[in-house]
Amino acid sequence: MKIKRQHIIRLLFAFAILFTIFSVAWAVMPCNRAAILWKKGRHDKAFLLWKNEIIRKNDINSYQKIIEAYINSGMYDDAENFTKKALTYYPNCVNFYFYLAMTDFYKGNYNQSFSYTEKVIEMNEYFPEVYLLRGMIMEKLNNHQQAKYEFIREVNNNPGSRLAWAKLQELKNAHY
């Protein structure tokens, strides 16, 4: 059975139209539209869309995007407060505990940060970058042997972690 050239062209055209429809539908979804606005530097509008999604349907993805934006902007107190609010609705979301560990790390609260990483590991021992963060905490606390152990755990958990490999190399070259 031969497929006529005309049928192939019709099929390709139909696929192109479906792809366009799905692409437009994806971009119109508020959380995705906010992500696009964020990348374009329109942070105020992105925050507004995410916050509206939280008000409208208590959207977990919008919580995460806002918290990540706060952390990336160095607004650690805002990130911490927003994460604690999110945890009241999503107490089993391991990402939120990791965000708390990160904000405490950046704020210099290393012991508190370490305790949050323990909670993360309790919830998901394969969580990406948790051992890397623990190693960085141990570095800050001048416990280089424990830092090395944590970086090795990160590499075992995620062999593609360039930062963990770099940290191990740093420790190898350092004279403590």
Protein backbone atom coordinates (compact mmCIF):
# COMPACT_ATOMS: atom_id res chain seq x y z
CA MET A 1 0.00 0.00 0.00
CA LYS A 2 1.49 3.25 -1.11
CA ILE A 3 0.97 6.43 0.84
CA LYS A 4 0.38 9.27 -1.49
CA ARG A 5 2.46 12.37 -1.17
CA GLN A 6 -0.71 14.35 -0.67
CA HIS A 7 -1.61 12.29 2.43
CA ILE A 8 1.86 12.78 3.92
CA ILE A 9 1.57 16.55 3.47
CA ARG A 10 -1.85 16.52 5.17
CA LEU A 11 -0.49 14.49 8.10
CA LEU A 12 2.48 16.82 8.54
CA PHE A 13 0.19 19.84 8.41
CA ALA A 14 -2.10 18.26 11.03
CA PHE A 15 0.87 17.57 13.33
CA ALA A 16 2.09 21.14 12.92
CA ILE A 17 -1.31 22.51 13.88
CA LEU A 18 -1.55 20.20 16.93
CA PHE A 19 1.95 21.21 18.02
CA THR A 20 1.03 24.88 17.72
CA ILE A 21 -2.17 24.40 19.71
CA PHE A 22 -0.35 22.54 22.52
CA SER A 23 2.44 25.13 22.60
CA VAL A 24 -0.03 28.00 22.89
CA ALA A 25 -2.02 26.12 25.56
CA TRP A 26 1.15 25.53 27.58
CA ALA A 27 2.21 29.18 27.36
CA VAL A 28 -1.24 30.43 28.36
CA MET A 29 -1.26 28.48 31.64
CA PRO A 30 -0.60 31.09 34.36
CA CYS A 31 2.32 29.29 36.04
CA ASN A 32 4.06 28.78 32.70
CA ARG A 33 3.31 32.31 31.55
CA ALA A 34 4.82 33.59 34.80
CA ALA A 35 7.99 31.55 34.18
CA ILE A 36 8.30 33.10 30.73
CA LEU A 37 7.79 36.60 32.17
CA TRP A 38 10.43 35.89 34.83
CA LYS A 39 12.98 34.89 32.16
CA LYS A 40 12.21 38.09 30.27
CA GLY A 41 12.98 40.15 33.38
CA ARG A 42 9.38 41.08 34.14
CA HIS A 43 9.62 39.89 37.73
CA ASP A 44 6.76 41.95 39.15
CA LYS A 45 4.28 40.48 36.67
CA ALA A 46 5.60 36.96 37.24
CA PHE A 47 5.21 37.33 41.02
CA LEU A 48 1.69 38.65 40.54
CA LEU A 49 0.68 35.68 38.39
CA TRP A 50 2.19 33.17 40.82
CA LYS A 51 0.52 34.85 43.79
CA ASN A 52 -2.82 34.88 41.96
CA GLU A 53 -2.46 31.15 41.34
CA ILE A 54 -1.83 30.61 45.04
CA ILE A 55 -4.92 32.65 45.93
CA ARG A 56 -7.01 30.95 43.25
CA LYS A 57 -6.05 27.32 43.82
CA ASN A 58 -3.24 27.18 46.40
CA ASP A 59 -0.90 26.00 43.63
CA ILE A 60 2.19 24.19 44.94
CA ASN A 61 4.21 24.99 41.79
CA SER A 62 3.58 28.69 42.27
CA TYR A 63 4.80 28.46 45.87
CA GLN A 64 7.97 26.79 44.66
CA LYS A 65 8.59 29.33 41.91
CA ILE A 66 8.16 32.26 44.28
CA ILE A 67 10.46 30.71 46.89
CA GLU A 68 13.11 29.96 44.27
CA ALA A 69 12.84 33.52 42.98
CA TYR A 70 13.28 34.90 46.50
CA ILE A 71 16.32 32.69 47.11
CA ASN A 72 17.90 33.58 43.76
CA SER A 73 17.32 37.26 44.50
CA GLY A 74 18.98 37.01 47.92
CA MET A 75 15.71 37.69 49.74
CA TYR A 76 16.28 34.92 52.28
CA ASP A 77 13.91 36.15 54.98
CA ASP A 78 11.07 36.40 52.45
CA ALA A 79 11.94 32.94 51.10
CA GLU A 80 11.95 31.49 54.61
CA ASN A 81 8.62 33.06 55.56
CA PHE A 82 6.97 32.00 52.31
CA THR A 83 8.35 28.46 52.69
CA LYS A 84 6.96 28.16 56.21
CA LYS A 85 3.58 29.33 54.91
CA ALA A 86 3.72 26.76 52.11
CA LEU A 87 4.55 24.02 54.60
CA THR A 88 1.28 24.68 56.42
CA TYR A 89 -0.51 23.53 53.25
CA TYR A 90 2.04 20.99 52.01
CA PRO A 91 3.77 19.52 55.09
CA ASN A 92 5.11 16.52 53.16
CA CYS A 93 6.79 18.46 50.37
CA VAL A 94 10.50 17.69 50.67
CA ASN A 95 11.42 20.63 48.42
CA PHE A 96 10.17 23.07 51.04
CA TYR A 97 12.45 21.60 53.71
CA PHE A 98 15.36 21.85 51.30
CA TYR A 99 14.49 25.51 50.67
CA LEU A 100 14.58 26.11 54.43
CA ALA A 101 17.98 24.42 54.60
CA MET A 102 19.22 26.67 51.79
CA THR A 103 17.91 29.89 53.30
CA ASP A 104 19.44 29.06 56.67
CA PHE A 105 22.73 28.25 54.97
CA TYR A 106 22.78 31.59 53.15
CA LYS A 107 21.84 33.39 56.36
CA GLY A 108 24.72 31.73 58.20
CA ASN A 109 22.54 29.52 60.40
CA TYR A 110 24.60 26.40 59.64
CA ASN A 111 23.40 24.17 62.47
CA GLN A 112 19.75 24.88 61.67
CA SER A 113 20.45 24.34 57.98
CA PHE A 114 22.06 20.98 58.76
CA SER A 115 19.02 19.89 60.78
CA TYR A 116 16.75 20.69 57.83
CA THR A 117 19.00 18.58 55.56
CA GLU A 118 18.48 15.71 57.99
CA LYS A 119 14.71 16.12 57.54
CA VAL A 120 15.18 16.14 53.76
CA ILE A 121 17.20 12.91 53.87
CA GLU A 122 14.64 11.33 56.19
CA MET A 123 11.98 12.11 53.59
CA ASN A 124 14.08 11.27 50.50
CA GLU A 125 17.64 10.00 50.86
CA TYR A 126 18.23 10.50 47.12
CA PHE A 127 17.22 14.15 47.06
CA PRO A 128 19.53 16.02 44.64
CA GLU A 129 22.16 18.33 46.11
CA VAL A 130 21.28 17.65 49.75
CA TYR A 131 24.66 16.05 50.47
CA LEU A 132 26.39 18.84 48.58
CA LEU A 133 24.70 21.37 50.85
CA ARG A 134 25.66 19.32 53.90
CA GLY A 135 29.26 19.29 52.72
CA MET A 136 29.23 23.05 52.24
CA ILE A 137 27.81 23.45 55.75
CA MET A 138 30.60 21.28 57.15
CA GLU A 139 33.14 23.40 55.28
CA LYS A 140 31.74 26.53 56.91
CA LEU A 141 31.98 24.80 60.30
CA ASN A 142 35.63 23.85 59.53
CA ASN A 143 34.85 20.16 59.71
CA HIS A 144 36.71 19.24 56.53
CA GLN A 145 36.68 15.48 57.07
CA GLN A 146 32.88 15.47 57.40
CA ALA A 147 32.64 17.83 54.39
CA LYS A 148 34.64 15.35 52.31
CA TYR A 149 32.34 12.53 53.44
CA GLU A 150 29.25 14.53 52.41
CA PHE A 151 30.71 15.47 49.02
CA ILE A 152 31.46 11.79 48.38
CA ARG A 153 27.87 10.96 49.29
CA GLU A 154 26.69 13.60 46.80
CA VAL A 155 28.87 12.13 44.05
CA ASN A 156 27.51 8.66 44.83
CA ASN A 157 23.97 10.07 44.75
CA ASN A 158 24.57 12.22 41.67
CA PRO A 159 27.76 11.38 39.72
CA GLY A 160 27.12 14.34 37.40
CA SER A 161 27.45 16.92 40.20
CA ARG A 162 30.29 19.10 38.97
CA LEU A 163 30.31 21.20 42.12
CA ALA A 164 30.66 18.14 44.36
CA TRP A 165 33.59 16.93 42.26
CA ALA A 166 35.16 20.39 42.39
CA LYS A 167 34.73 20.54 46.17
CA LEU A 168 36.41 17.15 46.53
CA GLN A 169 39.29 18.38 44.39
CA GLU A 170 39.57 21.52 46.55
CA LEU A 171 39.73 19.41 49.69
CA LYS A 172 42.32 17.14 48.12
CA ASN A 173 44.55 20.12 47.30
CA ALA A 174 44.02 21.91 50.62
CA HIS A 175 46.40 21.41 53.53
CA TYR A 176 44.34 21.18 56.69
